[in-house]
PDB file of N, CA and C in Angstrom:
ATOM      1  N   MET A   1      16.045  -8.457  -7.904  1.00  0.00           N
ATOM      2  CA  MET A   1      14.848  -7.842  -8.728  1.00  0.00           C
ATOM      3  C   MET A   1      13.568  -8.254  -8.106  1.00  0.00           C
ATOM      4  N   HIS A   2      13.460  -9.313  -7.120  1.00  0.00           N
ATOM      5  CA  HIS A   2      12.193  -9.548  -6.521  1.00  0.00           C
ATOM      6  C   HIS A   2      11.906  -8.485  -5.481  1.00  0.00           C
ATOM      7  N   ALA A   3      12.792  -7.955  -4.739  1.00  0.00           N
ATOM      8  CA  ALA A   3      12.621  -6.790  -3.863  1.00  0.00           C
ATOM      9  C   ALA A   3      11.860  -5.664  -4.616  1.00  0.00           C
ATOM     10  N   LEU A   4      12.163  -5.252  -5.804  1.00  0.00           N
ATOM     11  CA  LEU A   4      11.614  -4.339  -6.445  1.00  0.00           C
ATOM     12  C   LEU A   4       9.940  -4.623  -6.415  1.00  0.00           C
ATOM     13  N   ARG A   5       9.653  -5.677  -6.670  1.00  0.00           N
ATOM     14  CA  ARG A   5       8.095  -5.944  -6.620  1.00  0.00           C
ATOM     15  C   ARG A   5       7.410  -5.465  -5.400  1.00  0.00           C
ATOM     16  N   HIS A   6       8.144  -5.668  -4.256  1.00  0.00           N
ATOM     17  CA  HIS A   6       7.737  -5.217  -2.978  1.00  0.00           C
ATOM     18  C   HIS A   6       7.731  -3.818  -2.917  1.00  0.00           C
ATOM     19  N   THR A   7       8.789  -3.017  -3.422  1.00  0.00           N
ATOM     20  CA  THR A   7       8.786  -1.560  -3.458  1.00  0.00           C
ATOM     21  C   THR A   7       7.618  -1.098  -4.368  1.00  0.00           C
ATOM     22  N   PHE A   8       7.545  -1.776  -5.655  1.00  0.00           N
ATOM     23  CA  PHE A   8       6.311  -1.297  -6.628  1.00  0.00           C
ATOM     24  C   PHE A   8       4.976  -1.399  -5.870  1.00  0.00           C
ATOM     25  N   ALA A   9       4.866  -2.554  -5.174  1.00  0.00           N
ATOM     26  CA  ALA A   9       3.446  -2.756  -4.613  1.00  0.00           C
ATOM     27  C   ALA A   9       3.131  -1.620  -3.537  1.00  0.00           C
ATOM     28  N   THR A  10       4.061  -1.409  -2.759  1.00  0.00           N
ATOM     29  CA  THR A  10       4.070  -0.409  -1.652  1.00  0.00           C
ATOM     30  C   THR A  10       3.696   0.835  -2.134  1.00  0.00           C
ATOM     31  N   ARG A  11       4.564   1.329  -3.088  1.00  0.00           N
ATOM     32  CA  ARG A  11       4.425   2.642  -3.716  1.00  0.00           C
ATOM     33  C   ARG A  11       3.020   2.769  -4.388  1.00  0.00           C
ATOM     34  N   CYS A  12       2.533   1.795  -5.080  1.00  0.00           N
ATOM     35  CA  CYS A  12       1.419   1.817  -5.757  1.00  0.00           C
ATOM     36  C   CYS A  12       0.187   2.226  -4.818  1.00  0.00           C
ATOM     37  N   ILE A  13       0.169   1.528  -3.731  1.00  0.00           N
ATOM     38  CA  ILE A  13      -0.908   1.610  -2.639  1.00  0.00           C
ATOM     39  C   ILE A  13      -0.737   2.963  -2.132  1.00  0.00           C
ATOM     40  N   GLU A  14       0.489   3.362  -1.849  1.00  0.00           N
ATOM     41  CA  GLU A  14       0.654   4.835  -1.232  1.00  0.00           C
ATOM     42  C   GLU A  14       0.270   5.830  -2.323  1.00  0.00           C
ATOM     43  N   ARG A  15       0.301   5.517  -3.572  1.00  0.00           N
ATOM     44  CA  ARG A  15      -0.162   6.698  -4.637  1.00  0.00           C
ATOM     45  C   ARG A  15      -1.718   6.472  -4.930  1.00  0.00           C
ATOM     46  N   GLY A  16      -2.457   5.449  -4.173  1.00  0.00           N
ATOM     47  CA  GLY A  16      -3.844   5.324  -4.343  1.00  0.00           C
ATOM     48  C   GLY A  16      -4.290   4.335  -5.473  1.00  0.00           C
ATOM     49  N   VAL A  17      -3.384   3.371  -5.930  1.00  0.00           N
ATOM     50  CA  VAL A  17      -3.838   2.373  -6.845  1.00  0.00           C
ATOM     51  C   VAL A  17      -4.796   1.488  -6.271  1.00  0.00           C
ATOM     52  N   ASN A  18      -5.787   1.066  -6.829  1.00  0.00           N
ATOM     53  CA  ASN A  18      -6.765   0.228  -6.507  1.00  0.00           C
ATOM     54  C   ASN A  18      -6.166  -1.092  -6.252  1.00  0.00           C
ATOM     55  N   PRO A  19      -6.366  -1.725  -4.957  1.00  0.00           N
ATOM     56  CA  PRO A  19      -5.745  -2.981  -4.573  1.00  0.00           C
ATOM     57  C   PRO A  19      -6.020  -4.096  -5.606  1.00  0.00           C
ATOM     58  N   LYS A  20      -7.244  -4.134  -6.009  1.00  0.00           N
ATOM     59  CA  LYS A  20      -7.568  -5.189  -6.915  1.00  0.00           C
ATOM     60  C   LYS A  20      -6.869  -4.924  -8.305  1.00  0.00           C
ATOM     61  N   SER A  21      -6.616  -3.886  -8.702  1.00  0.00           N
ATOM     62  CA  SER A  21      -5.884  -3.583 -10.037  1.00  0.00           C
ATOM     63  C   SER A  21      -4.359  -3.915  -9.717  1.00  0.00           C
ATOM     64  N   LEU A  22      -3.880  -3.666  -8.649  1.00  0.00           N
ATOM     65  CA  LEU A  22      -2.449  -4.093  -8.160  1.00  0.00           C
ATOM     66  C   LEU A  22      -2.291  -5.513  -8.156  1.00  0.00           C
ATOM     67  N   GLN A  23      -3.340  -6.206  -7.849  1.00  0.00           N
ATOM     68  CA  GLN A  23      -3.418  -7.626  -7.673  1.00  0.00           C
ATOM     69  C   GLN A  23      -3.162  -8.207  -9.039  1.00  0.00           C
ATOM     70  N   LYS A  24      -3.919  -7.747  -9.849  1.00  0.00           N
ATOM     71  CA  LYS A  24      -3.967  -8.145 -11.450  1.00  0.00           C
ATOM     72  C   LYS A  24      -2.640  -7.847 -12.101  1.00  0.00           C
ATOM     73  N   ILE A  25      -2.092  -6.658 -11.733  1.00  0.00           N
ATOM     74  CA  ILE A  25      -0.704  -6.253 -12.435  1.00  0.00           C
ATOM     75  C   ILE A  25       0.357  -7.034 -11.860  1.00  0.00           C
ATOM     76  N   LEU A  26       0.263  -7.513 -10.545  1.00  0.00           N
ATOM     77  CA  LEU A  26       1.325  -8.320 -10.144  1.00  0.00           C
ATOM     78  C   LEU A  26       1.012  -9.901 -10.434  1.00  0.00           C
ATOM     79  N   GLY A  27      -0.111 -10.221 -10.997  1.00  0.00           N
ATOM     80  CA  GLY A  27      -0.390 -11.606 -11.300  1.00  0.00           C
ATOM     81  C   GLY A  27      -0.689 -12.523 -10.069  1.00  0.00           C
ATOM     82  N   HIS A  28      -1.311 -11.960  -9.077  1.00  0.00           N
ATOM     83  CA  HIS A  28      -1.751 -12.786  -7.937  1.00  0.00           C
ATOM     84  C   HIS A  28      -3.078 -13.407  -7.970  1.00  0.00           C
ATOM     85  N   ALA A  29      -3.260 -14.508  -7.609  1.00  0.00           N
ATOM     86  CA  ALA A  29      -4.653 -15.198  -7.672  1.00  0.00           C
ATOM     87  C   ALA A  29      -5.354 -14.511  -6.514  1.00  0.00           C
ATOM     88  N   GLN A  30      -4.789 -14.248  -5.392  1.00  0.00           N
ATOM     89  CA  GLN A  30      -5.443 -13.895  -4.089  1.00  0.00           C
ATOM     90  C   GLN A  30      -4.944 -12.483  -3.815  1.00  0.00           C
ATOM     91  N   LEU A  31      -5.843 -11.609  -3.419  1.00  0.00           N
ATOM     92  CA  LEU A  31      -5.671 -10.244  -2.896  1.00  0.00           C
ATOM     93  C   LEU A  31      -4.829 -10.208  -1.655  1.00  0.00           C
ATOM     94  N   SER A  32      -5.028 -11.170  -0.835  1.00  0.00           N
ATOM     95  CA  SER A  32      -4.195 -11.311   0.457  1.00  0.00           C
ATOM     96  C   SER A  32      -2.830 -11.575   0.078  1.00  0.00           C
ATOM     97  N   THR A  33      -2.270 -12.173  -1.065  1.00  0.00           N
ATOM     98  CA  THR A  33      -0.936 -12.337  -1.373  1.00  0.00           C
ATOM     99  C   THR A  33      -0.498 -10.962  -1.661  1.00  0.00           C
ATOM    100  N   THR A  34      -1.048 -10.096  -2.289  1.00  0.00           N
ATOM    101  CA  THR A  34      -0.777  -8.924  -2.661  1.00  0.00           C
ATOM    102  C   THR A  34      -0.550  -7.951  -1.424  1.00  0.00           C
ATOM    103  N   MET A  35      -1.520  -8.002  -0.743  1.00  0.00           N
ATOM    104  CA  MET A  35      -1.509  -6.918   0.357  1.00  0.00           C
ATOM    105  C   MET A  35      -0.804  -7.541   1.823  1.00  0.00           C
ATOM    106  N   ASP A  36      -0.770  -8.733   1.973  1.00  0.00           N
ATOM    107  CA  ASP A  36      -0.189  -9.318   3.130  1.00  0.00           C
ATOM    108  C   ASP A  36       1.240  -9.502   2.979  1.00  0.00           C
ATOM    109  N   THR A  37       1.653  -9.890   1.632  1.00  0.00           N
ATOM    110  CA  THR A  37       3.193 -10.213   1.320  1.00  0.00           C
ATOM    111  C   THR A  37       3.926  -9.093   0.697  1.00  0.00           C
ATOM    112  N   TYR A  38       3.231  -8.416  -0.218  1.00  0.00           N
ATOM    113  CA  TYR A  38       3.987  -7.473  -0.971  1.00  0.00           C
ATOM    114  C   TYR A  38       3.879  -6.023  -0.640  1.00  0.00           C
ATOM    115  N   VAL A  39       2.911  -5.609   0.078  1.00  0.00           N
ATOM    116  CA  VAL A  39       2.652  -4.288   0.572  1.00  0.00           C
ATOM    117  C   VAL A  39       3.054  -4.012   2.036  1.00  0.00           C
ATOM    118  N   HIS A  40       3.984  -3.141   2.091  1.00  0.00           N
ATOM    119  CA  HIS A  40       4.424  -2.692   3.475  1.00  0.00           C
ATOM    120  C   HIS A  40       4.106  -1.453   3.991  1.00  0.00           C
ATOM    121  N   VAL A  41       3.980  -1.219   5.234  1.00  0.00           N
ATOM    122  CA  VAL A  41       3.737   0.049   5.664  1.00  0.00           C
ATOM    123  C   VAL A  41       5.127   0.704   6.035  1.00  0.00           C
ATOM    124  N   THR A  42       5.357   2.047   5.349  1.00  0.00           N
ATOM    125  CA  THR A  42       6.500   2.580   5.455  1.00  0.00           C
ATOM    126  C   THR A  42       6.216   3.809   6.600  1.00  0.00           C
ATOM    127  N   ASP A  43       7.438   4.205   6.979  1.00  0.00           N
ATOM    128  CA  ASP A  43       7.396   5.259   8.026  1.00  0.00           C
ATOM    129  C   ASP A  43       6.421   6.542   7.544  1.00  0.00           C
ATOM    130  N   ASP A  44       6.666   6.861   6.184  1.00  0.00           N
ATOM    131  CA  ASP A  44       6.028   8.061   5.704  1.00  0.00           C
ATOM    132  C   ASP A  44       4.541   7.766   5.708  1.00  0.00           C
ATOM    133  N   SER A  45       4.141   6.597   5.298  1.00  0.00           N
ATOM    134  CA  SER A  45       2.700   6.252   5.161  1.00  0.00           C
ATOM    135  C   SER A  45       2.013   6.145   6.552  1.00  0.00           C
ATOM    136  N   LEU A  46       2.759   5.709   7.675  1.00  0.00           N
ATOM    137  CA  LEU A  46       2.254   5.746   8.908  1.00  0.00           C
ATOM    138  C   LEU A  46       2.136   7.082   9.392  1.00  0.00           C
ATOM    139  N   LEU A  47       3.164   7.940   9.139  1.00  0.00           N
ATOM    140  CA  LEU A  47       3.007   9.259   9.629  1.00  0.00           C
ATOM    141  C   LEU A  47       1.569  10.047   8.962  1.00  0.00           C
ATOM    142  N   LEU A  48       1.615   9.772   7.713  1.00  0.00           N
ATOM    143  CA  LEU A  48       0.425  10.467   7.043  1.00  0.00           C
ATOM    144  C   LEU A  48      -0.900  10.185   7.599  1.00  0.00           C
ATOM    145  N   ALA A  49      -0.780   8.613   7.927  1.00  0.00           N
ATOM    146  CA  ALA A  49      -2.157   8.145   8.537  1.00  0.00           C
ATOM    147  C   ALA A  49      -2.423   8.782   9.862  1.00  0.00           C
ATOM    148  N   ILE A  50      -1.431   9.009  10.676  1.00  0.00           N
ATOM    149  CA  ILE A  50      -1.618   9.646  11.942  1.00  0.00           C
ATOM    150  C   ILE A  50      -1.993  11.190  11.824  1.00  0.00           C
ATOM    151  N   LYS A  51      -1.380  11.982  10.923  1.00  0.00           N
ATOM    152  CA  LYS A  51      -1.750  13.163  10.593  1.00  0.00           C
ATOM    153  C   LYS A  51      -3.207  13.352  10.072  1.00  0.00           C
ATOM    154  N   GLN A  52      -3.720  12.372   9.205  1.00  0.00           N
ATOM    155  CA  GLN A  52      -5.053  12.373   8.843  1.00  0.00           C
ATOM    156  C   GLN A  52      -6.040  12.045   9.977  1.00  0.00           C
ATOM    157  N   PHE A  53      -5.616  11.259  10.951  1.00  0.00           N
ATOM    158  CA  PHE A  53      -6.554  11.047  12.077  1.00  0.00           C
ATOM    159  C   PHE A  53      -6.561  12.269  12.907  1.00  0.00           C
ATOM    160  N   GLU A  54      -5.331  12.870  13.038  1.00  0.00           N
ATOM    161  CA  GLU A  54      -5.279  14.125  13.913  1.00  0.00           C
ATOM    162  C   GLU A  54      -6.273  15.258  13.246  1.00  0.00           C
ATOM    163  N   ALA A  55      -6.153  15.542  11.983  1.00  0.00           N
ATOM    164  CA  ALA A  55      -6.820  16.480  11.213  1.00  0.00           C
ATOM    165  C   ALA A  55      -8.384  16.243  11.241  1.00  0.00           C
ATOM    166  N   ALA A  56      -8.769  15.041  11.311  1.00  0.00           N
ATOM    167  CA  ALA A  56     -10.276  14.618  11.564  1.00  0.00           C
ATOM    168  C   ALA A  56     -10.756  15.050  12.820  1.00  0.00           C
ATOM    169  N   ASP A  57      -9.907  15.123  13.903  1.00  0.00           N
ATOM    170  CA  ASP A  57     -10.423  15.532  15.137  1.00  0.00           C
ATOM    171  C   ASP A  57     -10.528  17.019  15.403  1.00  0.00           C
ATOM    172  N   LYS A  58      -9.855  17.828  14.393  1.00  0.00           N
ATOM    173  CA  LYS A  58      -9.985  19.314  14.555  1.00  0.00           C
ATOM    174  C   LYS A  58     -11.297  19.820  13.887  1.00  0.00           C
ATOM    175  N   PRO A  59     -11.951  20.706  14.597  1.00  0.00           N
ATOM    176  CA  PRO A  59     -13.167  21.451  14.192  1.00  0.00           C
ATOM    177  C   PRO A  59     -12.782  22.355  12.865  1.00  0.00           C
TER     178      PRO A  59
END
Protein backbone atom coordinates (compact mmCIF):
# COMPACT_ATOMS: atom_id res chain seq x y z
CA MET A 1 0.00 0.00 0.00
CA HIS A 2 2.84 2.40 0.82
CA ALA A 3 4.27 2.07 -2.72
CA LEU A 4 1.01 3.53 -4.02
CA ARG A 5 1.79 6.79 -2.20
CA HIS A 6 4.99 7.09 -4.23
CA THR A 7 3.13 6.40 -7.48
CA PHE A 8 0.36 8.81 -6.54
CA ALA A 9 2.82 11.58 -5.68
CA THR A 10 4.82 11.07 -8.86
CA ARG A 11 1.74 11.06 -11.08
CA CYS A 12 0.32 14.15 -9.38
CA ILE A 13 3.47 16.13 -10.11
CA GLU A 14 3.49 14.83 -13.70
CA ARG A 15 -0.08 16.11 -14.07
CA GLY A 16 0.80 19.55 -12.76
CA VAL A 17 -0.49 19.39 -9.18
CA ASN A 18 1.01 22.17 -7.08
CA PRO A 19 3.76 20.65 -4.88
CA LYS A 20 2.54 22.48 -1.75
CA SER A 21 -0.97 21.10 -2.33
CA LEU A 22 0.44 17.60 -2.74
CA GLN A 23 2.41 18.07 0.48
CA LYS A 24 -0.84 18.80 2.32
CA ILE A 25 -2.69 15.89 0.65
CA LEU A 26 0.02 13.47 1.76
CA GLY A 27 0.20 15.00 5.24
CA HIS A 28 3.88 15.91 5.22
CA ALA A 29 5.21 18.68 7.43
CA GLN A 30 8.08 19.42 5.05
CA LEU A 31 7.88 19.88 1.27
CA SER A 32 11.28 18.21 1.00
CA THR A 33 9.76 14.96 2.29
CA THR A 34 7.19 15.03 -0.49
CA MET A 35 9.56 15.98 -3.29
CA ASP A 36 12.73 14.15 -2.25
CA THR A 37 11.21 10.93 -0.93
CA TYR A 38 7.87 10.41 -2.67
CA VAL A 39 8.21 12.01 -6.11
CA HIS A 40 10.35 10.13 -8.62
CA VAL A 41 11.55 10.94 -12.12
CA THR A 42 10.01 8.52 -14.60
CA ASP A 43 11.40 7.76 -18.04
CA ASP A 44 8.35 9.47 -19.56
CA SER A 45 8.81 12.66 -17.54
CA LEU A 46 12.51 12.75 -18.37
CA LEU A 47 11.79 12.35 -22.09
CA LEU A 48 9.17 15.11 -21.92
CA ALA A 49 11.65 17.45 -20.23
CA ILE A 50 14.21 16.78 -22.94
CA LYS A 51 11.63 17.42 -25.68
CA GLN A 52 10.60 20.69 -24.03
CA PHE A 53 14.22 21.81 -23.94
CA GLU A 54 14.73 20.87 -27.59
CA ALA A 55 11.54 22.70 -28.62
CA ALA A 56 12.76 25.85 -26.85
CA ASP A 57 15.88 25.87 -29.05
CA LYS A 58 13.90 25.87 -32.32
CA PRO A 59 12.99 29.23 -33.88
